[in-house]
Amino acid sequence: MRITDAQRREVAEAVSRFGSIAAAARQLGIPRRTASDRFNAVTAALEPVIPPSQSLPVTVDEAWEQLDGWIGRKRVPKPVHPTWKAGKTQRLTVAGDFHAPFHAPEIVATLIAEEGPRTDTLIISGDLMDHYSISRFVPFERVAIEQEIAGADALLGQLSAAFPDVLIIEGNHDKPRFEKQIRSLLTPDMMHCIELLTGGNLSIVHMLAKRYKNVRFAPQQAGRYKLGWMTQVGDLIVSHAEKFSRVPGAALRQIDEGLTDFDQVYDLKPWRVIIQAHTHQLGMFPFKSDRLLVEGGCCCEIHGYQMTARMGGRPQRQGYVTLTQHSGVTDVNSVRLHWLNAERKIA
């Protein structure tokens, strides 16, 4: 049956007034499915008014071309790295919060040029991609999921080509943001069918990583649960715990206390260094008598919500962390913060 303009307006006004499609359907005395169809017709009619972002690549080839331009070379076949094995002494680079396709190409270029030739393992500390297109927060520009996947695919390809071993932990923007949305929209039985079809994995990042033999994911387990948001390498813990505070170092102390409480549950070995992502801050804090707590910065552009009058959070710090381990023991004196904000370079 054809949906009239009057029916569209009626449902749109009811949803705006009562806050949800279900409430609007009850007030109008129509089935929820009918109200949903009419409301979807309204949003479909509005979509052409918002043009796609012109600043972001749309295809994988365009994303590759953009990144290749920053690192100063043409796209070349992916090199075949020798089978990686952890040595007694290894150099680790910890970088994360890329939020593709909002990753900063100049940061990626610096990371590859400076650290690629001398790093044994790159640890991506979460939020490789953003899932901006399905966020429940107010969008500041229109970004299609195709653009996000293209950006993440090109980014992961570049990092895989530059580093012999890539270890990924998943942030709240990777699998959880997508999974929360799909679970809220589908019944448990429908979700079970999808999990059977996908082998139980709903992560786009996992799907993109399958083509790269030198990319692996955090193996941390707690009983039958997989702790994809953290990993332990020797006495180093890299975390993407969902903790944030405007007080410098406060989130780090909360994480250290939480890990101390759950160390047996998480099957953790004694640790001396924690590097936390998620906060987009860059800092180093000696803690207690034997621990070093680090916020690892970010590799993305400034987000639109930070430009609003609410002035939320704290200004983000672009950068990453490097360190050296000997037989799993971190040389604390080797821990370095690489601050890449433009104003920092000028200073």
C-alpha atoms as a PDB file:
ATOM      1  CA  MET A   1       0.000   0.000   0.000  1.00  0.00           C
ATOM      2  CA  ARG A   2       1.319   3.445  -0.914  1.00  0.00           C
ATOM      3  CA  ILE A   3       2.339   5.615   2.030  1.00  0.00           C
ATOM      4  CA  THR A   4       0.962   9.125   1.732  1.00  0.00           C
ATOM      5  CA  ASP A   5       2.714  12.322   2.776  1.00  0.00           C
ATOM      6  CA  ALA A   6       0.046  12.873   5.445  1.00  0.00           C
ATOM      7  CA  GLN A   7       0.772   9.459   6.988  1.00  0.00           C
ATOM      8  CA  ARG A   8       4.501  10.174   6.985  1.00  0.00           C
ATOM      9  CA  ARG A   9       4.008  13.506   8.745  1.00  0.00           C
ATOM     10  CA  GLU A  10       1.605  12.004  11.269  1.00  0.00           C
ATOM     11  CA  VAL A  11       4.070   9.286  12.321  1.00  0.00           C
ATOM     12  CA  ALA A  12       7.069  11.650  12.314  1.00  0.00           C
ATOM     13  CA  GLU A  13       5.255  14.109  14.575  1.00  0.00           C
ATOM     14  CA  ALA A  14       4.139  11.303  16.910  1.00  0.00           C
ATOM     15  CA  VAL A  15       7.667   9.862  17.184  1.00  0.00           C
ATOM     16  CA  SER A  16       9.045  13.337  17.890  1.00  0.00           C
ATOM     17  CA  ARG A  17       6.387  13.925  20.542  1.00  0.00           C
ATOM     18  CA  PHE A  18       6.340  10.549  22.313  1.00  0.00           C
ATOM     19  CA  GLY A  19      10.005   9.556  21.843  1.00  0.00           C
ATOM     20  CA  SER A  20       9.806   6.153  20.137  1.00  0.00           C
ATOM     21  CA  ILE A  21       8.110   4.302  17.283  1.00  0.00           C
ATOM     22  CA  ALA A  22       6.380   1.929  19.705  1.00  0.00           C
ATOM     23  CA  ALA A  23       4.868   4.801  21.709  1.00  0.00           C
ATOM     24  CA  ALA A  24       3.819   6.585  18.534  1.00  0.00           C
ATOM     25  CA  ALA A  25       2.090   3.430  17.262  1.00  0.00           C
ATOM     26  CA  ARG A  26       0.120   3.088  20.505  1.00  0.00           C
ATOM     27  CA  GLN A  27      -1.030   6.693  20.404  1.00  0.00           C
ATOM     28  CA  LEU A  28      -2.073   6.474  16.751  1.00  0.00           C
ATOM     29  CA  GLY A  29      -3.742   3.083  17.197  1.00  0.00           C
ATOM     30  CA  ILE A  30      -1.778   1.407  14.395  1.00  0.00           C
ATOM     31  CA  PRO A  31       0.508  -1.677  14.365  1.00  0.00           C
ATOM     32  CA  ARG A  32       4.128  -1.030  15.339  1.00  0.00           C
ATOM     33  CA  ARG A  33       5.320  -2.458  11.998  1.00  0.00           C
ATOM     34  CA  THR A  34       3.093  -0.021  10.110  1.00  0.00           C
ATOM     35  CA  ALA A  35       4.412   2.899  12.156  1.00  0.00           C
ATOM     36  CA  SER A  36       7.991   1.723  11.564  1.00  0.00           C
ATOM     37  CA  ASP A  37       7.438   1.500   7.767  1.00  0.00           C
ATOM     38  CA  ARG A  38       6.003   5.012   7.677  1.00  0.00           C
ATOM     39  CA  PHE A  39       8.784   6.429   9.814  1.00  0.00           C
ATOM     40  CA  ASN A  40      11.435   4.710   7.646  1.00  0.00           C
ATOM     41  CA  ALA A  41       9.797   6.298   4.617  1.00  0.00           C
ATOM     42  CA  VAL A  42      10.321   9.694   6.269  1.00  0.00           C
ATOM     43  CA  THR A  43      14.025   9.097   6.950  1.00  0.00           C
ATOM     44  CA  ALA A  44      14.554   7.640   3.457  1.00  0.00           C
ATOM     45  CA  ALA A  45      13.055  10.772   1.956  1.00  0.00           C
ATOM     46  CA  LEU A  46      15.413  12.952   3.999  1.00  0.00           C
ATOM     47  CA  GLU A  47      18.649  11.071   3.259  1.00  0.00           C
ATOM     48  CA  PRO A  48      19.476  12.698  -0.122  1.00  0.00           C
ATOM     49  CA  VAL A  49      19.444  16.104   1.604  1.00  0.00           C
ATOM     50  CA  ILE A  50      22.581  15.132   3.601  1.00  0.00           C
ATOM     51  CA  PRO A  51      25.444  14.577   1.146  1.00  0.00           C
ATOM     52  CA  PRO A  52      28.146  12.020   1.957  1.00  0.00           C
ATOM     53  CA  SER A  53      31.318  13.401   3.447  1.00  0.00           C
ATOM     54  CA  GLN A  54      33.629  14.468   0.631  1.00  0.00           C
ATOM     55  CA  SER A  55      36.692  14.487   2.869  1.00  0.00           C
ATOM     56  CA  LEU A  56      36.779  10.710   3.354  1.00  0.00           C
ATOM     57  CA  PRO A  57      37.595   7.996   0.801  1.00  0.00           C
ATOM     58  CA  VAL A  58      34.648   5.894  -0.376  1.00  0.00           C
ATOM     59  CA  THR A  59      36.394   2.807  -1.774  1.00  0.00           C
ATOM     60  CA  VAL A  60      39.323   0.699  -0.609  1.00  0.00           C
ATOM     61  CA  ASP A  61      41.399   1.902  -3.582  1.00  0.00           C
ATOM     62  CA  GLU A  62      40.757   5.552  -2.668  1.00  0.00           C
ATOM     63  CA  ALA A  63      41.697   4.845   0.958  1.00  0.00           C
ATOM     64  CA  TRP A  64      44.926   3.145  -0.153  1.00  0.00           C
ATOM     65  CA  GLU A  65      45.745   6.105  -2.428  1.00  0.00           C
ATOM     66  CA  GLN A  66      45.246   8.579   0.421  1.00  0.00           C
ATOM     67  CA  LEU A  67      47.459   6.666   2.844  1.00  0.00           C
ATOM     68  CA  ASP A  68      50.116   5.965   0.205  1.00  0.00           C
ATOM     69  CA  GLY A  69      50.287   9.669  -0.491  1.00  0.00           C
ATOM     70  CA  TRP A  70      51.114  10.356   3.131  1.00  0.00           C
ATOM     71  CA  ILE A  71      53.828   7.733   3.434  1.00  0.00           C
ATOM     72  CA  GLY A  72      55.348   8.810   0.124  1.00  0.00           C
ATOM     73  CA  ARG A  73      55.180   5.668  -1.963  1.00  0.00           C
ATOM     74  CA  LYS A  74      52.992   3.863  -4.432  1.00  0.00           C
ATOM     75  CA  ARG A  75      50.986   0.839  -3.427  1.00  0.00           C
ATOM     76  CA  VAL A  76      53.190  -2.220  -3.643  1.00  0.00           C
ATOM     77  CA  PRO A  77      52.465  -5.912  -3.060  1.00  0.00           C
ATOM     78  CA  LYS A  78      52.396  -6.801   0.611  1.00  0.00           C
ATOM     79  CA  PRO A  79      55.836  -8.091   1.673  1.00  0.00           C
ATOM     80  CA  VAL A  80      56.043 -11.595   3.053  1.00  0.00           C
ATOM     81  CA  HIS A  81      57.461 -11.322   6.546  1.00  0.00           C
ATOM     82  CA  PRO A  82      59.370 -14.294   7.959  1.00  0.00           C
ATOM     83  CA  THR A  83      57.462 -16.270  10.552  1.00  0.00           C
ATOM     84  CA  TRP A  84      57.522 -14.133  13.670  1.00  0.00           C
ATOM     85  CA  LYS A  85      58.902 -15.554  16.913  1.00  0.00           C
ATOM     86  CA  ALA A  86      59.261 -13.680  20.174  1.00  0.00           C
ATOM     87  CA  GLY A  87      62.917 -13.137  20.921  1.00  0.00           C
ATOM     88  CA  LYS A  88      64.563 -12.688  24.287  1.00  0.00           C
ATOM     89  CA  THR A  89      64.838  -8.977  23.551  1.00  0.00           C
ATOM     90  CA  GLN A  90      62.071  -7.293  21.608  1.00  0.00           C
ATOM     91  CA  ARG A  91      60.926  -3.776  20.914  1.00  0.00           C
ATOM     92  CA  LEU A  92      57.189  -3.101  21.204  1.00  0.00           C
ATOM     93  CA  THR A  93      55.198  -0.220  19.759  1.00  0.00           C
ATOM     94  CA  VAL A  94      51.750   0.424  21.256  1.00  0.00           C
ATOM     95  CA  ALA A  95      49.435   2.580  19.143  1.00  0.00           C
ATOM     96  CA  GLY A  96      45.663   2.760  19.019  1.00  0.00           C
ATOM     97  CA  ASP A  97      42.452   4.742  18.834  1.00  0.00           C
ATOM     98  CA  PHE A  98      42.805   5.174  15.067  1.00  0.00           C
ATOM     99  CA  HIS A  99      39.007   5.346  14.652  1.00  0.00           C
ATOM    100  CA  ALA A 100      39.206   4.666  10.908  1.00  0.00           C
ATOM    101  CA  PRO A 101      38.182   6.389   8.684  1.00  0.00           C
ATOM    102  CA  PHE A 102      39.000   9.296  11.008  1.00  0.00           C
ATOM    103  CA  HIS A 103      42.608   8.169  11.467  1.00  0.00           C
ATOM    104  CA  ALA A 104      45.151  10.917  10.898  1.00  0.00           C
ATOM    105  CA  PRO A 105      47.189   9.939   7.801  1.00  0.00           C
ATOM    106  CA  GLU A 106      50.209  11.974   8.901  1.00  0.00           C
ATOM    107  CA  ILE A 107      50.264  10.080  12.202  1.00  0.00           C
ATOM    108  CA  VAL A 108      50.125   6.747  10.371  1.00  0.00           C
ATOM    109  CA  ALA A 109      52.929   7.926   8.091  1.00  0.00           C
ATOM    110  CA  THR A 110      55.127   8.872  11.057  1.00  0.00           C
ATOM    111  CA  LEU A 111      54.347   5.616  12.861  1.00  0.00           C
ATOM    112  CA  ILE A 112      55.315   3.527   9.830  1.00  0.00           C
ATOM    113  CA  ALA A 113      58.433   5.531   8.940  1.00  0.00           C
ATOM    114  CA  GLU A 114      59.812   5.843  12.477  1.00  0.00           C
ATOM    115  CA  GLU A 115      58.820   2.539  14.068  1.00  0.00           C
ATOM    116  CA  GLY A 116      58.213   0.012  11.282  1.00  0.00           C
ATOM    117  CA  PRO A 117      61.898  -0.794  10.581  1.00  0.00           C
ATOM    118  CA  ARG A 118      62.843  -1.332  14.255  1.00  0.00           C
ATOM    119  CA  THR A 119      59.726  -2.789  15.908  1.00  0.00           C
ATOM    120  CA  ASP A 120      59.229  -6.487  16.600  1.00  0.00           C
ATOM    121  CA  THR A 121      55.536  -6.269  17.519  1.00  0.00           C
ATOM    122  CA  LEU A 122      52.971  -3.530  16.961  1.00  0.00           C
ATOM    123  CA  ILE A 123      50.163  -3.691  19.533  1.00  0.00           C
ATOM    124  CA  ILE A 124      47.015  -1.955  18.280  1.00  0.00           C
ATOM    125  CA  SER A 125      45.404  -0.931  21.547  1.00  0.00           C
ATOM    126  CA  GLY A 126      41.791  -0.864  20.342  1.00  0.00           C
ATOM    127  CA  ASP A 127      39.384   1.214  18.250  1.00  0.00           C
ATOM    128  CA  LEU A 128      40.963   0.432  14.899  1.00  0.00           C
ATOM    129  CA  MET A 129      37.680   1.562  13.330  1.00  0.00           C
ATOM    130  CA  ASP A 130      34.958   3.884  14.576  1.00  0.00           C
ATOM    131  CA  HIS A 131      31.557   2.502  13.461  1.00  0.00           C
ATOM    132  CA  TYR A 132      30.480   6.158  13.282  1.00  0.00           C
ATOM    133  CA  SER A 133      27.670   5.364  10.843  1.00  0.00           C
ATOM    134  CA  ILE A 134      25.783   3.242  13.391  1.00  0.00           C
ATOM    135  CA  SER A 135      26.508   5.313  16.492  1.00  0.00           C
ATOM    136  CA  ARG A 136      23.585   6.439  18.625  1.00  0.00           C
ATOM    137  CA  PHE A 137      25.279   9.770  19.253  1.00  0.00           C
ATOM    138  CA  VAL A 138      24.429  12.860  17.208  1.00  0.00           C
ATOM    139  CA  PRO A 139      26.406  12.680  13.912  1.00  0.00           C
ATOM    140  CA  PHE A 140      28.343  15.735  12.741  1.00  0.00           C
ATOM    141  CA  GLU A 141      28.727  14.504   9.167  1.00  0.00           C
ATOM    142  CA  ARG A 142      27.296  11.688   7.071  1.00  0.00           C
ATOM    143  CA  VAL A 143      29.670   8.728   6.785  1.00  0.00           C
ATOM    144  CA  ALA A 144      28.621   5.507   5.062  1.00  0.00           C
ATOM    145  CA  ILE A 145      29.675   2.158   6.494  1.00  0.00           C
ATOM    146  CA  GLU A 146      31.420   1.473   3.155  1.00  0.00           C
ATOM    147  CA  GLN A 147      33.730   4.413   3.874  1.00  0.00           C
ATOM    148  CA  GLU A 148      34.513   3.091   7.324  1.00  0.00           C
ATOM    149  CA  ILE A 149      35.311  -0.410   6.108  1.00  0.00           C
ATOM    150  CA  ALA A 150      37.423   0.980   3.243  1.00  0.00           C
ATOM    151  CA  GLY A 151      39.427   3.138   5.631  1.00  0.00           C
ATOM    152  CA  ALA A 152      39.948   0.325   8.145  1.00  0.00           C
ATOM    153  CA  ASP A 153      40.934  -2.135   5.412  1.00  0.00           C
ATOM    154  CA  ALA A 154      43.535   0.205   3.937  1.00  0.00           C
ATOM    155  CA  LEU A 155      44.882   1.127   7.377  1.00  0.00           C
ATOM    156  CA  LEU A 156      45.255  -2.479   8.521  1.00  0.00           C
ATOM    157  CA  GLY A 157      46.875  -3.376   5.207  1.00  0.00           C
ATOM    158  CA  GLN A 158      49.461  -0.627   5.626  1.00  0.00           C
ATOM    159  CA  LEU A 159      50.269  -1.603   9.200  1.00  0.00           C
ATOM    160  CA  SER A 160      50.495  -5.289   8.313  1.00  0.00           C
ATOM    161  CA  ALA A 161      52.929  -4.472   5.517  1.00  0.00           C
ATOM    162  CA  ALA A 162      55.095  -2.256   7.730  1.00  0.00           C
ATOM    163  CA  PHE A 163      55.315  -4.368  10.907  1.00  0.00           C
ATOM    164  CA  PRO A 164      56.358  -8.050  11.113  1.00  0.00           C
ATOM    165  CA  ASP A 165      53.862  -8.864  13.893  1.00  0.00           C
ATOM    166  CA  VAL A 166      50.586  -7.080  14.659  1.00  0.00           C
ATOM    167  CA  LEU A 167      48.628  -7.863  17.833  1.00  0.00           C
ATOM    168  CA  ILE A 168      45.126  -6.353  18.092  1.00  0.00           C
ATOM    169  CA  ILE A 169      42.985  -5.759  21.134  1.00  0.00           C
ATOM    170  CA  GLU A 170      39.408  -4.635  20.531  1.00  0.00           C
ATOM    171  CA  GLY A 171      38.067  -1.324  21.782  1.00  0.00           C
ATOM    172  CA  ASN A 172      34.515  -0.250  22.479  1.00  0.00           C
ATOM    173  CA  HIS A 173      34.207   1.153  18.936  1.00  0.00           C
ATOM    174  CA  ASP A 174      35.249  -2.087  17.229  1.00  0.00           C
ATOM    175  CA  LYS A 175      33.013  -5.096  17.827  1.00  0.00           C
ATOM    176  CA  PRO A 176      30.961  -3.897  20.863  1.00  0.00           C
ATOM    177  CA  ARG A 177      29.397  -0.830  19.183  1.00  0.00           C
ATOM    178  CA  PHE A 178      28.119  -2.913  16.257  1.00  0.00           C
ATOM    179  CA  GLU A 179      27.127  -5.875  18.421  1.00  0.00           C
ATOM    180  CA  LYS A 180      25.128  -3.754  20.881  1.00  0.00           C
ATOM    181  CA  GLN A 181      23.135  -2.228  18.041  1.00  0.00           C
ATOM    182  CA  ILE A 182      22.337  -5.499  16.324  1.00  0.00           C
ATOM    183  CA  ARG A 183      21.384  -7.230  19.587  1.00  0.00           C
ATOM    184  CA  SER A 184      19.002  -4.396  20.443  1.00  0.00           C
ATOM    185  CA  LEU A 185      17.249  -4.696  17.073  1.00  0.00           C
ATOM    186  CA  LEU A 186      16.950  -8.488  16.685  1.00  0.00           C
ATOM    187  CA  THR A 187      15.380 -11.223  18.773  1.00  0.00           C
ATOM    188  CA  PRO A 188      17.651 -13.732  20.582  1.00  0.00           C
ATOM    189  CA  ASP A 189      16.659 -16.453  18.094  1.00  0.00           C
ATOM    190  CA  MET A 190      17.579 -14.243  15.126  1.00  0.00           C
ATOM    191  CA  MET A 191      20.894 -13.417  16.785  1.00  0.00           C
ATOM    192  CA  HIS A 192      21.565 -17.112  17.276  1.00  0.00           C
ATOM    193  CA  CYS A 193      21.033 -17.686  13.541  1.00  0.00           C
ATOM    194  CA  ILE A 194      23.437 -14.880  12.649  1.00  0.00           C
ATOM    195  CA  GLU A 195      26.078 -16.207  15.042  1.00  0.00           C
ATOM    196  CA  LEU A 196      25.776 -19.636  13.437  1.00  0.00           C
ATOM    197  CA  LEU A 197      26.234 -18.109   9.976  1.00  0.00           C
ATOM    198  CA  THR A 198      29.268 -16.063  11.062  1.00  0.00           C
ATOM    199  CA  GLY A 199      30.917 -18.721  13.185  1.00  0.00           C
ATOM    200  CA  GLY A 200      30.009 -16.799  16.326  1.00  0.00           C
ATOM    201  CA  ASN A 201      32.076 -13.724  15.431  1.00  0.00           C
ATOM    202  CA  LEU A 202      30.402 -10.368  14.748  1.00  0.00           C
ATOM    203  CA  SER A 203      33.625  -8.369  14.338  1.00  0.00           C
ATOM    204  CA  ILE A 204      34.357  -6.592  11.046  1.00  0.00           C
ATOM    205  CA  VAL A 205      37.949  -6.121  12.214  1.00  0.00           C
ATOM    206  CA  HIS A 206      38.333  -9.904  12.567  1.00  0.00           C
ATOM    207  CA  MET A 207      36.965 -10.320   9.047  1.00  0.00           C
ATOM    208  CA  LEU A 208      39.418  -7.776   7.590  1.00  0.00           C
ATOM    209  CA  ALA A 209      42.369  -9.336   9.436  1.00  0.00           C
ATOM    210  CA  LYS A 210      41.867 -12.812   7.965  1.00  0.00           C
ATOM    211  CA  ARG A 211      43.848 -11.937   4.842  1.00  0.00           C
ATOM    212  CA  TYR A 212      46.977 -10.991   6.819  1.00  0.00           C
ATOM    213  CA  LYS A 213      48.964 -13.874   8.271  1.00  0.00           C
ATOM    214  CA  ASN A 214      50.974 -11.644  10.599  1.00  0.00           C
ATOM    215  CA  VAL A 215      47.894 -10.150  12.315  1.00  0.00           C
ATOM    216  CA  ARG A 216      46.618 -11.818  15.487  1.00  0.00           C
ATOM    217  CA  PHE A 217      44.217 -10.962  18.302  1.00  0.00           C
ATOM    218  CA  ALA A 218      44.602 -10.738  22.070  1.00  0.00           C
ATOM    219  CA  PRO A 219      44.550 -14.284  23.482  1.00  0.00           C
ATOM    220  CA  GLN A 220      43.597 -13.324  27.052  1.00  0.00           C
ATOM    221  CA  GLN A 221      40.975 -15.676  28.531  1.00  0.00           C
ATOM    222  CA  ALA A 222      38.985 -15.668  31.781  1.00  0.00           C
ATOM    223  CA  GLY A 223      37.461 -19.136  31.999  1.00  0.00           C
ATOM    224  CA  ARG A 224      35.100 -19.455  29.049  1.00  0.00           C
ATOM    225  CA  TYR A 225      35.132 -15.709  28.388  1.00  0.00           C
ATOM    226  CA  LYS A 226      37.547 -14.037  26.013  1.00  0.00           C
ATOM    227  CA  LEU A 227      38.950 -10.712  27.198  1.00  0.00           C
ATOM    228  CA  GLY A 228      39.416  -9.105  23.815  1.00  0.00           C
ATOM    229  CA  TRP A 229      39.791  -5.637  25.401  1.00  0.00           C
ATOM    230  CA  MET A 230      43.157  -6.342  27.024  1.00  0.00           C
ATOM    231  CA  THR A 231      46.329  -8.392  26.625  1.00  0.00           C
ATOM    232  CA  GLN A 232      49.406  -9.182  28.702  1.00  0.00           C
ATOM    233  CA  VAL A 233      52.880  -9.441  27.199  1.00  0.00           C
ATOM    234  CA  GLY A 234      55.398 -10.337  29.884  1.00  0.00           C
ATOM    235  CA  ASP A 235      54.978  -7.815  32.687  1.00  0.00           C
ATOM    236  CA  LEU A 236      53.155  -5.356  30.396  1.00  0.00           C
ATOM    237  CA  ILE A 237      49.357  -5.037  30.263  1.00  0.00           C
ATOM    238  CA  VAL A 238      47.774  -3.142  27.377  1.00  0.00           C
ATOM    239  CA  SER A 239      44.171  -2.240  28.090  1.00  0.00           C
ATOM    240  CA  HIS A 240      41.176  -0.641  26.426  1.00  0.00           C
ATOM    241  CA  ALA A 241      39.072  -0.550  29.583  1.00  0.00           C
ATOM    242  CA  GLU A 242      36.117   1.822  29.329  1.00  0.00           C
ATOM    243  CA  LYS A 243      37.378   4.206  31.978  1.00  0.00           C
ATOM    244  CA  PHE A 244      37.809   7.962  31.623  1.00  0.00           C
ATOM    245  CA  SER A 245      38.368  10.874  33.983  1.00  0.00           C
ATOM    246  CA  ARG A 246      39.046  14.565  33.547  1.00  0.00           C
ATOM    247  CA  VAL A 247      41.587  14.201  36.374  1.00  0.00           C
ATOM    248  CA  PRO A 248      44.977  13.188  34.897  1.00  0.00           C
ATOM    249  CA  GLY A 249      45.926   9.673  35.992  1.00  0.00           C
ATOM    250  CA  ALA A 250      42.642   8.929  37.800  1.00  0.00           C
ATOM    251  CA  ALA A 251      41.434   6.423  35.184  1.00  0.00           C
ATOM    252  CA  LEU A 252      44.804   4.664  35.305  1.00  0.00           C
ATOM    253  CA  ARG A 253      44.589   4.211  39.071  1.00  0.00           C
ATOM    254  CA  GLN A 254      41.061   2.802  38.768  1.00  0.00           C
ATOM    255  CA  ILE A 255      42.239   0.313  36.144  1.00  0.00           C
ATOM    256  CA  ASP A 256      45.217  -0.801  38.218  1.00  0.00           C
ATOM    257  CA  GLU A 257      42.944  -1.308  41.238  1.00  0.00           C
ATOM    258  CA  GLY A 258      40.399  -3.205  39.121  1.00  0.00           C
ATOM    259  CA  LEU A 259      43.038  -5.498  37.656  1.00  0.00           C
ATOM    260  CA  THR A 260      44.431  -6.113  41.136  1.00  0.00           C
ATOM    261  CA  ASP A 261      40.967  -7.171  42.338  1.00  0.00           C
ATOM    262  CA  PHE A 262      40.428  -9.451  39.327  1.00  0.00           C
ATOM    263  CA  ASP A 263      43.969 -10.721  38.767  1.00  0.00           C
ATOM    264  CA  GLN A 264      43.092 -14.327  39.632  1.00  0.00           C
ATOM    265  CA  VAL A 265      39.811 -14.198  37.681  1.00  0.00           C
ATOM    266  CA  TYR A 266      41.623 -12.830  34.619  1.00  0.00           C
ATOM    267  CA  ASP A 267      44.550 -15.247  35.153  1.00  0.00           C
ATOM    268  CA  LEU A 268      47.081 -12.400  35.131  1.00  0.00           C
ATOM    269  CA  LYS A 269      50.757 -12.714  35.919  1.00  0.00           C
ATOM    270  CA  PRO A 270      52.491 -10.024  37.994  1.00  0.00           C
ATOM    271  CA  TRP A 271      52.740  -6.783  36.003  1.00  0.00           C
ATOM    272  CA  ARG A 272      54.828  -3.630  36.270  1.00  0.00           C
ATOM    273  CA  VAL A 273      53.539  -1.497  33.386  1.00  0.00           C
ATOM    274  CA  ILE A 274      49.988  -0.698  32.201  1.00  0.00           C
ATOM    275  CA  ILE A 275      49.352   1.142  28.941  1.00  0.00           C
ATOM    276  CA  GLN A 276      45.736   2.314  28.689  1.00  0.00           C
ATOM    277  CA  ALA A 277      44.028   3.411  25.492  1.00  0.00           C
ATOM    278  CA  HIS A 278      40.456   4.830  25.216  1.00  0.00           C
ATOM    279  CA  THR A 279      41.187   8.101  27.037  1.00  0.00           C
ATOM    280  CA  HIS A 280      43.003   9.705  24.054  1.00  0.00           C
ATOM    281  CA  GLN A 281      45.453  11.158  26.582  1.00  0.00           C
ATOM    282  CA  LEU A 282      49.227  10.825  26.681  1.00  0.00           C
ATOM    283  CA  GLY A 283      51.002  10.672  29.997  1.00  0.00           C
ATOM    284  CA  MET A 284      53.168   8.602  32.347  1.00  0.00           C
ATOM    285  CA  PHE A 285      52.609   8.154  36.086  1.00  0.00           C
ATOM    286  CA  PRO A 286      54.833   6.231  38.529  1.00  0.00           C
ATOM    287  CA  PHE A 287      52.452   4.409  40.902  1.00  0.00           C
ATOM    288  CA  LYS A 288      53.028   2.694  44.237  1.00  0.00           C
ATOM    289  CA  SER A 289      56.636   1.556  44.525  1.00  0.00           C
ATOM    290  CA  ASP A 290      56.987  -0.665  41.488  1.00  0.00           C
ATOM    291  CA  ARG A 291      54.500   0.239  38.766  1.00  0.00           C
ATOM    292  CA  LEU A 292      54.377   2.580  35.805  1.00  0.00           C
ATOM    293  CA  LEU A 293      50.961   3.652  34.505  1.00  0.00           C
ATOM    294  CA  VAL A 294      50.767   5.085  30.982  1.00  0.00           C
ATOM    295  CA  GLU A 295      48.049   6.668  28.851  1.00  0.00           C
ATOM    296  CA  GLY A 296      48.941   5.858  25.262  1.00  0.00           C
ATOM    297  CA  GLY A 297      47.559   8.759  23.214  1.00  0.00           C
ATOM    298  CA  CYS A 298      45.569   8.365  19.990  1.00  0.00           C
ATOM    299  CA  CYS A 299      46.134   8.273  16.221  1.00  0.00           C
ATOM    300  CA  CYS A 300      42.916   9.936  15.068  1.00  0.00           C
ATOM    301  CA  GLU A 301      41.707  13.378  14.130  1.00  0.00           C
ATOM    302  CA  ILE A 302      39.817  15.609  16.564  1.00  0.00           C
ATOM    303  CA  HIS A 303      36.170  14.515  16.827  1.00  0.00           C
ATOM    304  CA  GLY A 304      33.237  16.819  16.116  1.00  0.00           C
ATOM    305  CA  TYR A 305      31.717  16.504  19.577  1.00  0.00           C
ATOM    306  CA  GLN A 306      34.798  18.182  21.041  1.00  0.00           C
ATOM    307  CA  MET A 307      33.989  21.331  19.056  1.00  0.00           C
ATOM    308  CA  THR A 308      30.540  21.845  20.607  1.00  0.00           C
ATOM    309  CA  ALA A 309      29.628  24.352  23.313  1.00  0.00           C
ATOM    310  CA  ARG A 310      29.490  21.536  25.884  1.00  0.00           C
ATOM    311  CA  MET A 311      33.303  21.363  25.828  1.00  0.00           C
ATOM    312  CA  GLY A 312      33.197  17.697  26.837  1.00  0.00           C
ATOM    313  CA  GLY A 313      36.192  15.688  28.005  1.00  0.00           C
ATOM    314  CA  ARG A 314      39.763  16.889  27.594  1.00  0.00           C
ATOM    315  CA  PRO A 315      41.651  17.790  24.394  1.00  0.00           C
ATOM    316  CA  GLN A 316      43.061  14.623  22.903  1.00  0.00           C
ATOM    317  CA  ARG A 317      46.780  13.994  22.525  1.00  0.00           C
ATOM    318  CA  GLN A 318      47.996  12.326  19.346  1.00  0.00           C
ATOM    319  CA  GLY A 319      50.832   9.898  19.906  1.00  0.00           C
ATOM    320  CA  TYR A 320      51.977   6.377  20.741  1.00  0.00           C
ATOM    321  CA  VAL A 321      54.324   4.491  23.087  1.00  0.00           C
ATOM    322  CA  THR A 322      57.461   2.412  22.534  1.00  0.00           C
ATOM    323  CA  LEU A 323      59.357   0.172  24.953  1.00  0.00           C
ATOM    324  CA  THR A 324      61.845  -2.710  25.120  1.00  0.00           C
ATOM    325  CA  GLN A 325      61.468  -6.026  26.933  1.00  0.00           C
ATOM    326  CA  HIS A 326      64.148  -8.533  27.902  1.00  0.00           C
ATOM    327  CA  SER A 327      62.748 -12.053  28.388  1.00  0.00           C
ATOM    328  CA  GLY A 328      59.334 -10.568  29.156  1.00  0.00           C
ATOM    329  CA  VAL A 329      60.652  -7.977  31.613  1.00  0.00           C
ATOM    330  CA  THR A 330      60.041  -4.373  30.587  1.00  0.00           C
ATOM    331  CA  ASP A 331      62.970  -1.987  30.743  1.00  0.00           C
ATOM    332  CA  VAL A 332      61.114   0.866  32.452  1.00  0.00           C
ATOM    333  CA  ASN A 333      63.777   3.340  31.337  1.00  0.00           C
ATOM    334  CA  SER A 334      63.003   2.432  27.707  1.00  0.00           C
ATOM    335  CA  VAL A 335      59.327   3.494  27.875  1.00  0.00           C
ATOM    336  CA  ARG A 336      58.928   6.494  25.573  1.00  0.00           C
ATOM    337  CA  LEU A 337      55.931   8.707  24.805  1.00  0.00           C
ATOM    338  CA  HIS A 338      55.864   9.984  21.211  1.00  0.00           C
ATOM    339  CA  TRP A 339      53.729  13.144  21.208  1.00  0.00           C
ATOM    340  CA  LEU A 340      52.638  13.990  17.663  1.00  0.00           C
ATOM    341  CA  ASN A 341      50.282  16.945  18.089  1.00  0.00           C
ATOM    342  CA  ALA A 342      51.093  19.701  15.612  1.00  0.00           C
ATOM    343  CA  GLU A 343      51.405  22.331  18.323  1.00  0.00           C
ATOM    344  CA  ARG A 344      53.854  20.089  20.183  1.00  0.00           C
ATOM    345  CA  LYS A 345      56.069  19.847  17.104  1.00  0.00           C
ATOM    346  CA  ILE A 346      56.094  23.642  16.768  1.00  0.00           C
ATOM    347  CA  ALA A 347      57.008  24.025  20.446  1.00  0.00           C
END
